[in-house]
Amino acid sequence: MSQGTDQLTGLRNERKPCHFWVDNEVADCYQPIVGADAIWVYCRIARNAHGAWIVSPKVRGGDTRISLREMAEWCGKSVDTVSRCLQVLEHVGLLQAVRGAKAKGRYALADVKDLVTREGGLYDRETGSFQLPAKRTVELKLQVRELRAKLARKSGSRLAIVGRDEASSSVAQSDRLGRDLFAVANAGSDRCVALSDTSVAPGVHASITTKSKKAKQTTSPLPPQAGADEFSPEQLAHLGTLSGEPRGEFERYYREQNCQKAEAAEEERAKAKRLEELKRILPDEPSAVPWAMAECGFAMDERRRGVRGAICAVLGQECARGRPAWDAAPAMVKAWRDYNAIFDLLEVPYGPVKFFRLGVWARRNSWRIDEKKSAAQHRASVGRPA
């Protein structure tokens, strides 16, 4: 006979003193982008954060100047790995760094919910956290991959393509994959790029080296060309220097990169087409007001005179500042839709008139989520009692 949870002891059912916290968005949004190593570095930083700034546990009274070597000791990683992870975290906005003399700097953690909101994220009631737009997630993944390739070229590091159980001598001992929570067995990849990111083949890196020091180093040409089935001359020249499994891995890598670039180009064309259409149908303020009313779901009748007047006033102000109507009106519509999606969770929700007249539509950081409402809604969604 199984015991009920109320009869068990020692369960983690309450938050007790002596703990640190990490926003849900760090695990939900940014772990697939920056990878497990960077998330572990972030957690170690959060453990030693006093407010926003990191405080050294070795200095009595707390010193906000931290060396990379000390941070590497905290994390159990090499100094190079921690340095790369810090730059990746800083690039995506999770970390702010003020570097100083003698290899010491000051680091502060960003407000993650505010960061995701500014990136265009919306609140997901099922997960109880904000979620980044899919397009922005892909963009950040590509940017992180390019940043890591740039850091590897800058430091002159060369990563070897290894077998299933081989360890690369150019990677620190602590960087190698183990059988832990974030690892995939026999996958020779650098975990500062997420293992769940299928756009990069496991075990494939930008540069290759052999055991011989005199062997010719081959580096994948960047950027890849559009068209998945057509390789650029630079890619063909690089593939010509390879054979066997490395050639197959790089062919797959180039095809996936070329597909991504082709999709990005298609999105840019669609965006340009949409922009031209907006310029045509919204040439001035009088034409933008009824369009914005319709897109926001407001009828152009006497009951909506206040909303129509607010939208007209805001558009007039934006146009007077030099912003065209075809740019301001879509921004206002998008802001209202995003605001309406989280309306029930806001601490102080505004109606449409105040939303536009008070400029709330342009200040996303003022959209404060009520944690109690959010928690209650999450419990209701999963069927838990309050």
Protein backbone atom coordinates (compact mmCIF):
# COMPACT_ATOMS: atom_id res chain seq x y z
CA MET A 1 0.00 0.00 0.00
CA SER A 2 1.49 3.29 -1.06
CA GLN A 3 1.80 6.15 1.36
CA GLY A 4 0.26 9.56 0.78
CA THR A 5 2.50 12.57 0.45
CA ASP A 6 1.16 13.89 3.73
CA GLN A 7 2.60 10.82 5.52
CA LEU A 8 6.10 11.23 4.13
CA THR A 9 8.76 13.29 5.86
CA GLY A 10 11.68 15.29 4.56
CA LEU A 11 9.98 16.36 1.33
CA ARG A 12 10.96 19.53 -0.50
CA ASN A 13 7.51 21.07 -0.06
CA GLU A 14 8.48 24.43 1.43
CA ARG A 15 11.07 27.10 0.62
CA LYS A 16 13.36 27.38 3.61
CA PRO A 17 16.15 29.85 4.43
CA CYS A 18 19.61 29.46 2.90
CA HIS A 19 18.66 29.07 -0.73
CA PHE A 20 19.22 31.01 -3.94
CA TRP A 21 16.76 31.46 -6.79
CA VAL A 22 16.84 31.52 -10.59
CA ASP A 23 14.01 32.74 -12.81
CA ASN A 24 11.99 30.13 -14.69
CA GLU A 25 12.87 31.93 -17.92
CA VAL A 26 16.57 31.06 -17.47
CA ALA A 27 15.77 27.35 -17.75
CA ASP A 28 12.86 27.63 -20.20
CA CYS A 29 14.19 30.25 -22.62
CA TYR A 30 17.95 30.55 -22.33
CA GLN A 31 19.22 27.04 -21.52
CA PRO A 32 18.55 25.81 -25.10
CA ILE A 33 20.41 28.89 -26.37
CA VAL A 34 23.52 29.11 -24.20
CA GLY A 35 23.91 25.47 -23.15
CA ALA A 36 24.38 23.62 -19.89
CA ASP A 37 27.88 24.91 -19.06
CA ALA A 38 26.78 28.54 -19.28
CA ILE A 39 23.67 27.81 -17.20
CA TRP A 40 25.82 26.16 -14.53
CA VAL A 41 28.08 29.23 -14.45
CA TYR A 42 24.95 31.41 -14.17
CA CYS A 43 23.68 29.32 -11.23
CA ARG A 44 27.01 29.58 -9.43
CA ILE A 45 26.93 33.34 -9.97
CA ALA A 46 23.35 33.51 -8.65
CA ARG A 47 24.47 31.56 -5.59
CA ASN A 48 27.00 34.30 -4.75
CA ALA A 49 24.88 37.27 -5.85
CA HIS A 50 24.01 39.92 -3.28
CA GLY A 51 21.19 41.82 -4.93
CA ALA A 52 22.41 42.25 -8.48
CA TRP A 53 26.17 42.19 -7.90
CA ILE A 54 28.25 39.08 -7.34
CA VAL A 55 30.00 39.03 -3.98
CA SER A 56 33.15 37.08 -3.34
CA PRO A 57 32.66 34.54 -0.52
CA LYS A 58 36.41 34.61 0.19
CA VAL A 59 36.54 38.24 1.30
CA ARG A 60 35.01 39.20 4.61
CA GLY A 61 32.37 41.84 4.13
CA GLY A 62 31.96 40.95 0.46
CA ASP A 63 34.00 42.19 -2.47
CA THR A 64 32.30 42.74 -5.82
CA ARG A 65 35.58 42.40 -7.73
CA ILE A 66 35.91 38.78 -8.83
CA SER A 67 38.72 37.15 -10.79
CA LEU A 68 38.10 34.56 -13.49
CA ARG A 69 40.26 32.08 -11.62
CA GLU A 70 38.10 32.38 -8.52
CA MET A 71 34.93 31.97 -10.57
CA ALA A 72 36.47 28.92 -12.27
CA GLU A 73 37.07 27.40 -8.82
CA TRP A 74 33.44 27.98 -7.89
CA CYS A 75 32.16 26.34 -11.07
CA GLY A 76 34.68 23.49 -11.27
CA LYS A 77 35.50 24.53 -14.84
CA SER A 78 38.58 25.79 -16.61
CA VAL A 79 39.27 29.53 -16.76
CA ASP A 80 38.82 29.49 -20.56
CA THR A 81 35.44 27.78 -20.28
CA VAL A 82 34.20 30.25 -17.66
CA SER A 83 35.46 33.18 -19.74
CA ARG A 84 33.59 31.94 -22.81
CA CYS A 85 30.44 31.29 -20.80
CA LEU A 86 30.54 34.78 -19.28
CA GLN A 87 30.82 36.37 -22.71
CA VAL A 88 27.93 34.25 -23.99
CA LEU A 89 25.78 35.21 -20.98
CA GLU A 90 26.68 38.85 -21.47
CA HIS A 91 25.85 38.66 -25.18
CA VAL A 92 22.31 37.35 -24.60
CA GLY A 93 21.76 39.93 -21.85
CA LEU A 94 21.65 37.72 -18.74
CA LEU A 95 24.83 39.26 -17.36
CA GLN A 96 26.39 42.72 -17.22
CA ALA A 97 30.15 42.98 -16.78
CA VAL A 98 32.43 45.84 -15.75
CA ARG A 99 35.95 44.58 -16.29
CA GLY A 100 38.78 46.04 -14.23
CA ALA A 101 42.50 45.78 -13.73
CA LYS A 102 44.49 42.77 -12.48
CA ALA A 103 42.16 40.25 -14.13
CA LYS A 104 39.29 41.23 -11.81
CA GLY A 105 35.91 42.52 -12.84
CA ARG A 106 32.45 43.24 -11.48
CA TYR A 107 29.46 41.23 -12.67
CA ALA A 108 25.75 41.82 -12.17
CA LEU A 109 22.70 39.74 -13.06
CA ALA A 110 19.97 41.24 -15.22
CA ASP A 111 16.23 41.23 -14.48
CA VAL A 112 15.36 38.19 -16.59
CA LYS A 113 11.60 38.79 -16.85
CA ASP A 114 12.21 42.37 -17.94
CA LEU A 115 14.81 41.11 -20.45
CA VAL A 116 12.45 38.56 -22.00
CA THR A 117 9.66 41.14 -22.16
CA ARG A 118 11.91 43.62 -23.97
CA GLU A 119 12.82 40.85 -26.42
CA GLY A 120 9.13 40.55 -27.31
CA GLY A 121 8.33 37.59 -25.05
CA LEU A 122 4.78 36.76 -23.98
CA TYR A 123 3.53 35.13 -20.80
CA ASP A 124 2.73 31.42 -21.09
CA ARG A 125 0.08 30.46 -18.57
CA GLU A 126 0.83 26.73 -18.79
CA THR A 127 4.53 27.03 -17.97
CA GLY A 128 4.11 29.99 -15.62
CA SER A 129 6.86 31.99 -17.32
CA PHE A 130 7.51 34.34 -20.21
CA GLN A 131 8.57 32.72 -23.49
CA LEU A 132 10.83 34.22 -26.14
CA PRO A 133 9.48 34.39 -29.71
CA ALA A 134 10.64 31.44 -31.80
CA LYS A 135 12.30 33.73 -34.30
CA ARG A 136 14.27 35.52 -31.60
CA THR A 137 15.37 32.17 -30.14
CA VAL A 138 16.77 31.11 -33.51
CA GLU A 139 18.53 34.46 -33.92
CA LEU A 140 20.17 34.17 -30.49
CA LYS A 141 21.29 30.60 -31.21
CA LEU A 142 22.99 31.73 -34.40
CA GLN A 143 24.58 34.72 -32.67
CA VAL A 144 25.91 32.54 -29.83
CA ARG A 145 27.34 30.05 -32.31
CA GLU A 146 29.08 32.84 -34.25
CA LEU A 147 30.39 34.37 -31.02
CA ARG A 148 31.88 31.08 -29.88
CA ALA A 149 33.48 30.53 -33.28
CA LYS A 150 34.96 34.04 -33.08
CA LEU A 151 36.30 33.40 -29.56
CA ALA A 152 37.82 30.12 -30.69
CA ARG A 153 39.59 31.79 -33.62
CA LYS A 154 40.75 34.68 -31.43
CA SER A 155 42.30 32.43 -28.82
CA GLY A 156 43.81 30.16 -31.44
CA SER A 157 42.13 27.13 -29.96
CA ARG A 158 41.61 24.15 -32.20
CA LEU A 159 38.99 21.54 -31.36
CA ALA A 160 39.41 18.02 -32.69
CA ILE A 161 36.67 15.79 -34.02
CA VAL A 162 36.99 12.74 -31.82
CA GLY A 163 35.51 9.26 -31.70
CA ARG A 164 32.72 8.05 -29.49
CA ASP A 165 34.81 7.66 -26.33
CA GLU A 166 37.87 9.80 -27.11
CA ALA A 167 38.64 13.04 -25.27
CA SER A 168 40.04 16.06 -27.06
CA SER A 169 43.37 17.23 -25.61
CA SER A 170 42.60 20.84 -26.57
CA VAL A 171 39.52 20.92 -24.31
CA ALA A 172 39.86 21.31 -20.56
CA GLN A 173 39.25 18.24 -18.39
CA SER A 174 36.18 19.86 -16.80
CA ASP A 175 34.71 20.70 -20.23
CA ARG A 176 34.43 17.11 -21.37
CA LEU A 177 31.06 15.45 -21.40
CA GLY A 178 30.09 13.23 -18.51
CA ARG A 179 27.02 11.23 -17.69
CA ASP A 180 25.24 13.99 -15.85
CA LEU A 181 21.85 15.65 -16.06
CA PHE A 182 22.68 17.81 -19.09
CA ALA A 183 24.94 15.38 -20.96
CA VAL A 184 24.24 12.92 -23.76
CA ALA A 185 26.41 9.83 -23.60
CA ASN A 186 29.19 9.56 -26.21
CA ALA A 187 28.46 12.98 -27.68
CA GLY A 188 31.66 14.91 -28.25
CA SER A 189 30.23 18.38 -28.34
CA ASP A 190 31.05 21.58 -26.49
CA ARG A 191 28.20 22.09 -24.03
CA CYS A 192 28.30 25.88 -24.24
CA VAL A 193 26.17 25.23 -27.34
CA ALA A 194 23.04 23.43 -26.21
CA LEU A 195 22.86 19.71 -26.92
CA SER A 196 19.21 20.12 -27.82
CA ASP A 197 20.19 22.41 -30.68
CA THR A 198 19.86 20.02 -33.62
CA SER A 199 21.08 22.66 -36.06
CA VAL A 200 24.63 21.72 -35.12
CA ALA A 201 25.72 18.11 -35.63
CA PRO A 202 27.16 16.57 -32.43
CA GLY A 203 30.90 16.38 -32.64
CA VAL A 204 31.24 18.93 -35.44
CA HIS A 205 33.28 22.08 -34.82
CA ALA A 206 34.43 24.92 -36.99
CA SER A 207 38.03 23.75 -37.20
CA ILE A 208 39.74 20.40 -37.41
CA THR A 209 43.17 19.17 -36.47
CA THR A 210 44.90 15.79 -36.57
CA LYS A 211 47.40 14.25 -34.21
CA SER A 212 50.28 15.43 -36.35
CA LYS A 213 51.41 18.98 -35.62
CA LYS A 214 52.45 19.34 -39.27
CA ALA A 215 49.01 18.40 -40.55
CA LYS A 216 47.21 21.10 -42.49
CA GLN A 217 44.51 22.84 -40.46
CA THR A 218 41.21 23.15 -42.33
CA THR A 219 38.69 25.77 -41.29
CA SER A 220 35.10 25.88 -42.47
CA PRO A 221 34.46 28.97 -44.64
CA LEU A 222 31.95 31.47 -43.26
CA PRO A 223 29.33 32.58 -43.90
CA PRO A 224 27.51 29.66 -45.58
CA GLN A 225 25.67 30.29 -48.81
CA ALA A 226 21.93 30.02 -49.39
CA GLY A 227 20.44 26.90 -50.96
CA ALA A 228 20.67 23.61 -49.08
CA ASP A 229 21.59 21.44 -52.08
CA GLU A 230 24.10 23.88 -53.59
CA PHE A 231 27.42 24.46 -51.88
CA SER A 232 29.37 27.65 -52.36
CA PRO A 233 32.83 27.50 -54.00
CA GLU A 234 34.43 28.03 -50.60
CA GLN A 235 32.42 25.18 -49.11
CA LEU A 236 33.25 22.87 -52.02
CA ALA A 237 36.93 23.73 -51.65
CA HIS A 238 36.78 22.89 -47.96
CA LEU A 239 34.91 19.63 -48.56
CA GLY A 240 37.56 18.67 -51.12
CA THR A 241 40.16 18.58 -48.33
CA LEU A 242 38.08 16.09 -46.30
CA SER A 243 37.08 12.48 -46.71
CA GLY A 244 35.08 9.83 -44.92
CA GLU A 245 33.08 10.71 -41.81
CA PRO A 246 34.38 14.31 -41.42
CA ARG A 247 33.22 15.11 -44.97
CA GLY A 248 29.76 13.70 -44.29
CA GLU A 249 29.49 15.66 -41.05
CA PHE A 250 30.46 18.94 -42.73
CA GLU A 251 28.10 18.31 -45.64
CA ARG A 252 25.27 17.97 -43.14
CA TYR A 253 26.48 21.07 -41.30
CA TYR A 254 26.60 23.14 -44.52
CA ARG A 255 23.16 21.95 -45.67
CA GLU A 256 21.56 22.92 -42.36
CA GLN A 257 23.34 26.29 -42.33
CA ASN A 258 22.31 26.97 -45.92
CA CYS A 259 18.69 26.06 -45.11
CA GLN A 260 18.71 28.46 -42.18
CA LYS A 261 20.14 31.24 -44.29
CA ALA A 262 17.56 30.57 -47.01
CA GLU A 263 14.74 30.70 -44.43
CA ALA A 264 16.14 33.91 -42.99
CA ALA A 265 16.29 35.45 -46.45
CA GLU A 266 12.68 34.40 -47.10
CA GLU A 267 11.61 35.99 -43.82
CA GLU A 268 13.39 39.20 -44.77
CA ARG A 269 11.61 39.24 -48.13
CA ALA A 270 8.24 38.67 -46.43
CA LYS A 271 9.03 41.42 -43.93
CA ALA A 272 9.97 43.83 -46.72
CA LYS A 273 6.78 42.96 -48.61
CA ARG A 274 4.73 43.57 -45.49
CA LEU A 275 6.47 46.88 -44.94
CA GLU A 276 5.70 48.03 -48.47
CA GLU A 277 2.07 47.07 -47.97
CA LEU A 278 1.89 49.08 -44.73
CA LYS A 279 3.44 52.09 -46.45
CA ARG A 280 0.79 51.84 -49.14
CA ILE A 281 -2.28 51.47 -46.90
CA LEU A 282 -1.06 53.72 -44.04
CA PRO A 283 0.44 56.78 -45.72
CA ASP A 284 -0.75 59.24 -43.07
CA GLU A 285 -2.46 59.60 -39.70
CA PRO A 286 -6.12 59.74 -40.92
CA SER A 287 -5.76 56.37 -42.66
CA ALA A 288 -3.84 54.80 -39.74
CA VAL A 289 -6.46 55.51 -37.05
CA PRO A 290 -9.31 53.32 -38.44
CA TRP A 291 -6.78 50.61 -39.35
CA ALA A 292 -5.40 50.53 -35.80
CA MET A 293 -8.94 50.49 -34.36
CA ALA A 294 -9.88 47.50 -36.51
CA GLU A 295 -6.64 45.60 -35.78
CA CYS A 296 -7.12 46.13 -32.03
CA GLY A 297 -10.71 44.86 -32.24
CA PHE A 298 -12.44 48.18 -31.57
CA ALA A 299 -15.50 49.22 -33.54
CA MET A 300 -15.63 52.67 -35.10
CA ASP A 301 -18.86 53.69 -33.35
CA GLU A 302 -19.93 56.26 -30.77
CA ARG A 303 -19.16 53.94 -27.85
CA ARG A 304 -15.47 53.94 -28.78
CA ARG A 305 -14.98 57.67 -29.15
CA GLY A 306 -12.58 57.70 -26.19
CA VAL A 307 -10.41 54.94 -27.64
CA ARG A 308 -10.46 56.54 -31.09
CA GLY A 309 -9.46 59.87 -29.59
CA ALA A 310 -6.61 58.28 -27.61
CA ILE A 311 -5.22 56.46 -30.64
CA CYS A 312 -5.56 59.58 -32.76
CA ALA A 313 -3.73 61.68 -30.12
CA VAL A 314 -0.88 59.19 -29.76
CA LEU A 315 -0.45 58.80 -33.52
CA GLY A 316 -0.42 62.57 -33.85
CA GLN A 317 2.35 62.83 -31.25
CA GLU A 318 4.40 60.10 -32.91
CA CYS A 319 4.01 61.67 -36.36
CA ALA A 320 4.96 65.07 -34.93
CA ARG A 321 8.20 63.51 -33.64
CA GLY A 322 9.01 62.30 -37.14
CA ARG A 323 7.84 58.71 -36.86
CA PRO A 324 5.77 57.66 -39.88
CA ALA A 325 2.23 56.39 -39.34
CA TRP A 326 2.98 53.06 -41.06
CA ASP A 327 5.58 52.37 -38.33
CA ALA A 328 3.79 53.77 -35.25
CA ALA A 329 0.37 52.21 -35.86
CA PRO A 330 1.60 48.56 -36.15
CA ALA A 331 3.75 49.07 -33.02
CA MET A 332 0.69 50.27 -31.08
CA VAL A 333 -1.40 47.34 -32.32
CA LYS A 334 1.26 44.80 -31.36
CA ALA A 335 1.63 46.37 -27.91
CA TRP A 336 -2.12 46.18 -27.28
CA ARG A 337 -2.29 42.51 -28.35
CA ASP A 338 0.65 41.56 -26.12
CA TYR A 339 -0.84 43.53 -23.22
CA ASN A 340 -4.25 41.96 -23.69
CA ALA A 341 -2.69 38.46 -23.61
CA ILE A 342 -1.50 38.99 -20.00
CA PHE A 343 -4.27 41.37 -18.92
CA ASP A 344 -5.68 39.05 -16.22
CA LEU A 345 -2.25 38.69 -14.55
CA LEU A 346 -1.32 42.36 -14.27
CA GLU A 347 -1.03 44.12 -10.91
CA VAL A 348 -2.64 47.34 -12.21
CA PRO A 349 -4.39 46.68 -15.54
CA TYR A 350 -5.38 49.68 -17.63
CA GLY A 351 -8.18 50.02 -20.10
CA PRO A 352 -7.46 50.89 -23.74
CA VAL A 353 -7.88 54.66 -23.25
CA LYS A 354 -5.32 54.94 -20.42
CA PHE A 355 -3.13 52.32 -22.10
CA PHE A 356 -2.57 54.62 -25.06
CA ARG A 357 -2.95 58.07 -23.52
CA LEU A 358 -0.56 57.40 -20.62
CA GLY A 359 2.05 55.86 -22.91
CA VAL A 360 1.84 52.42 -21.28
CA TRP A 361 1.98 50.85 -24.75
CA ALA A 362 5.54 52.15 -25.21
CA ARG A 363 6.82 51.12 -21.74
CA ARG A 364 6.76 47.35 -21.59
CA ASN A 365 8.86 47.32 -18.43
CA SER A 366 5.87 48.87 -16.60
CA TRP A 367 3.71 45.80 -17.27
CA ARG A 368 4.04 44.26 -13.82
CA ILE A 369 2.84 40.69 -13.34
CA ASP A 370 1.03 39.90 -10.07
CA GLU A 371 2.85 36.84 -8.73
CA LYS A 372 -0.15 35.72 -6.65
CA LYS A 373 -2.47 35.85 -9.65
CA SER A 374 0.12 34.04 -11.74
CA ALA A 375 0.57 31.29 -9.16
CA ALA A 376 -3.18 30.88 -8.69
CA GLN A 377 -3.73 30.62 -12.43
CA HIS A 378 -0.93 28.08 -12.73
CA ARG A 379 -2.45 25.95 -9.98
CA ALA A 380 -5.84 26.14 -11.68
CA SER A 381 -4.33 25.12 -15.02
CA VAL A 382 -2.72 21.99 -13.58
CA GLY A 383 -5.71 21.16 -11.38
CA ARG A 384 -4.06 21.77 -8.03
CA PRO A 385 -5.97 23.17 -5.04
CA ALA A 386 -5.05 26.66 -3.83
